Each structure stands twice: as structure tokens, then as C-alpha cells.
């Protein structure tokens, strides 16, 4: 007697918020930030406008939700093997994991970046959203973001990350050699900042550069290129 095929449970239905965020990021990969409105998002998400309004109050709020989702993905993927490593190495790993999580959205990130360079108000808003994410990235690396000292540290990391993000946006190497080199260089440069990230600067530059690799890539992968100096 033939066995009946197993019934697989259907995938969980996505929430309105998830569908809107997904639609928005897909549209940003095709258009300028300022050219994407809720009418386009509703059409792409297959939702009526009233449900979009119930989920979000602005397109910037949709972008913030996407950044929060990336935060959660990074926070959930911590590497326990790095727990005893110096703070700079932990932060290097956290930021590279964040960039890896952003990889599917690179065209959208480029579009937002281009618009922010033309629009100071948007750039200011994005700075605030990025700083909030960077506070979580510091926490994930075991570095305090509390108090005035933490606020200065967070803003310093925000500036550092935005600079590295520009390199990452144009880095088509699967091993992200240019990005790793830029991140290593910026972390080393942070050692000269007046009090910013000073507790990250106890490790000599270049000691850990190149240890990070995309998830699933073996340490002895012959296709992996070391970061350029």
C-alpha cells in the first residue's frame, strides 16, 4: 500500500507590517527614496491603504522598522566563541554580521544613501535611526552605550559605520575584502579620536582583520581573499 505523502504545515502568514516593509525595500531597489509613496507600497504589498496606515505613519517609519529587523537578526546571531575576545574584535564581528544581513537589500541601501546626500533633513533623520541601531551593536559587542560617555561612543560609531557602509555599497566581492579593510582601518583610526571608543583601542591594528568570513564559508576556503591594506 502506497504511503500517503506527508502534509507540510503552510508557512506562517506574514503580518501587514512585514508585507509593507518587504514591499517598500523592493521598491527602493527600483526607485529613488523620494519617489516611493504609500500608494506604491500598498499596491506592491497587496494591501488596502487603510491597513497600511494602521501599520505605519510614514515611509520613514517603514525604513525604521526594517532597520530594527536587521538589529534583531544581528542580535540573534551572536558568536559565543568571541565572548572572551577583546572589544574591538567583538565589534568588528558584530558590524560585519550586520552588513551580511543587509546584503539582500544593497540596492535599496544605495538608493537611500544617494537621497540622503541630497537631502540634509533626511540625512539627519537617518543619523538618528542609525545611532539607535549602533547603540544595540555596541551592546551586542559587550560595550556600554549608557550615559553621556555612551552617547558619544554611539555617535562616533555611527559616523564610522556610515563611512564603511559607503565602501560596502560598492563592494561586489563575495568575501567583502574592501569592506573588511575599510572597517579595520576605521576602527584603527578611532584610536586617535578624543575619548571616542577609547576602550576599543587597546588592540594593535590589523591583529584580527580577516578573521571574519561569511556564514557557511570554511576557514580554509581557497576562494577567500584577505583584506587589502
Protein backbone atom coordinates (compact mmCIF):
# COMPACT_ATOMS: atom_id res chain seq x y z
CA UNK A 1 0.00 0.00 0.00
CA UNK A 2 1.46 3.33 -1.04
CA UNK A 3 2.27 5.74 1.73
CA UNK A 4 0.34 8.95 1.78
CA UNK A 5 2.55 12.00 1.26
CA UNK A 6 3.21 13.91 4.45
CA UNK A 7 1.25 17.07 4.86
CA UNK A 8 3.51 20.00 5.47
CA UNK A 9 2.26 22.88 7.52
CA UNK A 10 1.82 26.02 5.41
CA UNK A 11 4.32 28.78 6.10
CA UNK A 12 3.09 31.29 8.67
CA UNK A 13 1.23 34.18 7.13
CA UNK A 14 3.22 37.40 7.12
CA UNK A 15 1.88 40.31 9.11
CA UNK A 16 0.83 43.55 7.43
CA UNK A 17 3.97 45.21 8.80
CA UNK A 18 6.22 42.55 7.31
CA UNK A 19 4.50 42.76 3.93
CA UNK A 20 4.78 46.54 3.89
CA UNK A 21 8.46 46.53 4.83
CA UNK A 22 9.22 43.90 2.20
CA UNK A 23 7.31 45.85 -0.48
CA UNK A 24 9.00 49.11 0.47
CA UNK A 25 12.53 47.70 0.31
CA UNK A 26 11.75 46.14 -3.08
CA UNK A 27 10.51 49.49 -4.38
CA UNK A 28 13.58 51.31 -3.05
CA UNK A 29 15.73 48.93 -5.08
CA UNK A 30 13.95 50.26 -8.19
CA UNK A 31 13.30 53.96 -7.50
CA UNK A 32 14.56 56.98 -5.61
CA UNK A 33 13.60 57.29 -1.95
CA UNK A 34 11.54 60.41 -2.63
CA UNK A 35 9.60 58.70 -5.42
CA UNK A 36 8.15 55.90 -3.26
CA UNK A 37 4.84 56.61 -1.54
CA UNK A 38 2.22 54.59 0.27
CA UNK A 39 0.09 54.16 -2.84
CA UNK A 40 3.00 52.29 -4.44
CA UNK A 41 3.69 50.34 -1.26
CA UNK A 42 0.04 49.31 -0.87
CA UNK A 43 -0.10 48.09 -4.46
CA UNK A 44 3.14 46.11 -4.17
CA UNK A 45 2.14 44.64 -0.78
CA UNK A 46 -1.38 43.81 -1.96
CA UNK A 47 -2.95 45.70 0.95
CA UNK A 48 -5.59 48.44 1.14
CA UNK A 49 -4.35 51.86 2.15
CA UNK A 50 -6.21 51.81 5.47
CA UNK A 51 -4.24 48.78 6.61
CA UNK A 52 -1.00 50.44 5.59
CA UNK A 53 -1.98 53.49 7.64
CA UNK A 54 -2.84 51.30 10.62
CA UNK A 55 0.62 49.73 10.45
CA UNK A 56 2.79 52.81 9.77
CA UNK A 57 2.50 56.57 9.88
CA UNK A 58 5.22 57.41 7.35
CA UNK A 59 7.65 55.84 4.92
CA UNK A 60 10.47 56.77 7.31
CA UNK A 61 8.74 54.63 9.94
CA UNK A 62 8.78 51.74 7.46
CA UNK A 63 12.50 52.21 6.97
CA UNK A 64 12.97 52.32 10.75
CA UNK A 65 11.11 49.01 11.05
CA UNK A 66 13.44 47.46 8.52
CA UNK A 67 16.48 48.67 10.46
CA UNK A 68 15.01 47.23 13.66
CA UNK A 69 14.52 43.89 11.92
CA UNK A 70 18.21 43.92 10.92
CA UNK A 71 19.10 44.75 14.53
CA UNK A 72 17.17 41.72 15.76
CA UNK A 73 18.79 39.47 13.18
CA UNK A 74 22.27 40.55 14.28
CA UNK A 75 21.44 40.26 17.98
CA UNK A 76 20.10 36.74 17.46
CA UNK A 77 23.23 35.59 15.61
CA UNK A 78 25.94 36.28 18.18
CA UNK A 79 29.10 34.18 18.12
CA UNK A 80 29.77 32.78 21.60
CA UNK A 81 33.32 31.89 20.54
CA UNK A 82 34.10 35.63 20.56
CA UNK A 83 32.88 36.24 24.10
CA UNK A 84 36.41 36.28 25.52
CA UNK A 85 37.92 38.31 22.68
CA UNK A 86 38.87 42.00 23.02
CA UNK A 87 36.08 44.56 22.47
CA UNK A 88 37.38 45.70 19.08
CA UNK A 89 37.29 42.19 17.70
CA UNK A 90 33.77 41.64 19.00
CA UNK A 91 32.63 44.91 17.43
CA UNK A 92 34.30 44.01 14.13
CA UNK A 93 32.35 40.75 14.07
CA UNK A 94 29.05 42.42 15.00
CA UNK A 95 29.32 45.06 12.26
CA UNK A 96 30.33 42.52 9.63
CA UNK A 97 27.34 40.39 10.58
CA UNK A 98 25.14 43.45 10.18
CA UNK A 99 26.49 44.13 6.70
CA UNK A 100 25.99 40.47 5.82
CA UNK A 101 22.35 40.72 6.91
CA UNK A 102 21.94 43.83 4.73
CA UNK A 103 23.30 42.11 1.61
CA UNK A 104 19.87 41.32 0.06
CA UNK A 105 18.94 44.99 0.38
CA UNK A 106 22.07 46.58 -1.06
CA UNK A 107 20.29 48.31 -4.00
CA UNK A 108 17.77 49.83 -1.57
CA UNK A 109 20.54 50.99 0.78
CA UNK A 110 22.30 52.64 -2.16
CA UNK A 111 19.10 54.47 -3.14
CA UNK A 112 18.54 55.79 0.38
CA UNK A 113 22.16 56.85 0.64
CA UNK A 114 22.00 58.82 -2.62
CA UNK A 115 18.86 60.63 -1.48
CA UNK A 116 20.34 61.40 1.94
CA UNK A 117 23.33 63.10 0.31
CA UNK A 118 20.90 65.47 -1.45
CA UNK A 119 18.53 65.98 1.48
CA UNK A 120 20.02 67.22 4.79
CA UNK A 121 16.73 66.66 6.66
CA UNK A 122 16.64 63.03 5.58
CA UNK A 123 20.32 62.64 6.47
CA UNK A 124 19.60 63.96 9.97
CA UNK A 125 16.70 61.54 10.45
CA UNK A 126 18.80 58.63 9.20
CA UNK A 127 21.58 59.60 11.59
CA UNK A 128 19.16 59.24 14.50
CA UNK A 129 17.90 55.85 13.30
CA UNK A 130 21.43 54.61 12.66
CA UNK A 131 22.62 55.80 16.07
CA UNK A 132 19.83 53.82 17.70
CA UNK A 133 20.96 50.71 15.85
CA UNK A 134 24.61 51.37 16.69
CA UNK A 135 23.75 51.54 20.40
CA UNK A 136 22.43 47.99 20.06
CA UNK A 137 25.50 46.93 18.11
CA UNK A 138 27.74 48.23 20.91
CA UNK A 139 25.64 46.32 23.42
CA UNK A 140 25.92 43.16 21.30
CA UNK A 141 29.70 43.58 21.41
CA UNK A 142 29.64 43.91 25.20
CA UNK A 143 30.37 47.66 25.16
CA UNK A 144 28.26 50.11 27.15
CA UNK A 145 26.20 52.73 25.33
CA UNK A 146 24.76 54.22 28.52
CA UNK A 147 25.17 57.77 29.76
CA UNK A 148 26.97 60.70 28.18
CA UNK A 149 30.08 58.64 27.51
CA UNK A 150 27.93 56.02 25.81
CA UNK A 151 26.15 58.65 23.72
CA UNK A 152 29.48 59.99 22.46
CA UNK A 153 30.67 56.46 21.78
CA UNK A 154 27.43 55.69 19.90
CA UNK A 155 27.67 58.77 17.69
CA UNK A 156 31.31 58.03 16.96
CA UNK A 157 30.41 54.51 15.89
CA UNK A 158 27.55 55.89 13.76
CA UNK A 159 29.97 58.08 11.80
CA UNK A 160 32.37 55.16 11.45
CA UNK A 161 29.64 52.79 10.25
CA UNK A 162 28.24 55.22 7.67
CA UNK A 163 31.70 55.59 6.15
CA UNK A 164 32.17 51.84 5.96
CA UNK A 165 28.65 51.46 4.53
CA UNK A 166 29.64 53.56 1.53
CA UNK A 167 32.53 51.19 0.81
CA UNK A 168 30.27 48.17 1.31
CA UNK A 169 27.68 49.59 -1.12
CA UNK A 170 30.24 49.40 -3.94
CA UNK A 171 31.97 46.19 -2.84
CA UNK A 172 30.91 43.36 -5.17
CA UNK A 173 33.46 40.86 -3.83
CA UNK A 174 31.59 37.97 -2.10
CA UNK A 175 34.36 37.92 0.51
CA UNK A 176 33.91 41.69 1.15
CA UNK A 177 37.66 42.28 1.17
CA UNK A 178 37.38 46.04 0.60
CA UNK A 179 34.72 46.34 3.27
CA UNK A 180 36.75 44.43 5.84
CA UNK A 181 39.81 46.55 5.09
CA UNK A 182 37.75 49.75 5.47
CA UNK A 183 36.23 48.61 8.75
CA UNK A 184 39.61 47.59 10.13
CA UNK A 185 41.09 50.92 9.06
CA UNK A 186 38.27 52.93 10.63
CA UNK A 187 38.45 51.02 13.90
CA UNK A 188 42.20 51.71 13.98
CA UNK A 189 41.56 55.40 13.26
CA UNK A 190 39.10 55.51 16.17
CA UNK A 191 42.15 55.14 18.42
CA UNK A 192 43.04 58.76 17.67
CA UNK A 193 39.60 60.20 18.44
CA UNK A 194 39.50 62.23 21.63
CA UNK A 195 37.95 59.78 24.05
CA UNK A 196 35.68 58.14 21.44
CA UNK A 197 35.69 54.37 21.65
CA UNK A 198 38.89 54.55 23.69
CA UNK A 199 38.21 51.20 25.30
CA UNK A 200 38.17 49.63 21.82
CA UNK A 201 41.67 50.78 21.00
CA UNK A 202 43.76 48.54 23.22
CA UNK A 203 44.36 46.04 20.44
CA UNK A 204 47.01 46.73 17.81
CA UNK A 205 45.52 47.44 14.35
CA UNK A 206 45.28 44.53 11.99
CA UNK A 207 45.54 41.76 14.58
CA UNK A 208 42.09 40.37 13.88
CA UNK A 209 41.38 41.69 10.39
CA UNK A 210 40.32 38.92 8.05
CA UNK A 211 39.11 36.54 10.75
CA UNK A 212 35.51 37.29 9.86
CA UNK A 213 34.05 35.36 6.94
CA UNK A 214 30.52 34.99 5.58
CA UNK A 215 28.49 32.39 7.43
CA UNK A 216 28.97 28.93 5.95
CA UNK A 217 32.42 29.66 4.50
CA UNK A 218 35.14 27.44 5.86
CA UNK A 219 38.33 28.81 7.35
CA UNK A 220 40.45 27.13 4.71
CA UNK A 221 38.25 28.20 1.80
CA UNK A 222 40.74 28.76 -1.06
CA UNK A 223 38.43 31.38 -2.56
CA UNK A 224 38.67 33.66 0.44
CA UNK A 225 40.85 36.68 -0.09
CA UNK A 226 42.48 38.58 2.77
CA UNK A 227 41.57 42.19 3.28
CA UNK A 228 43.79 44.65 1.47
CA UNK A 229 45.82 47.12 3.48
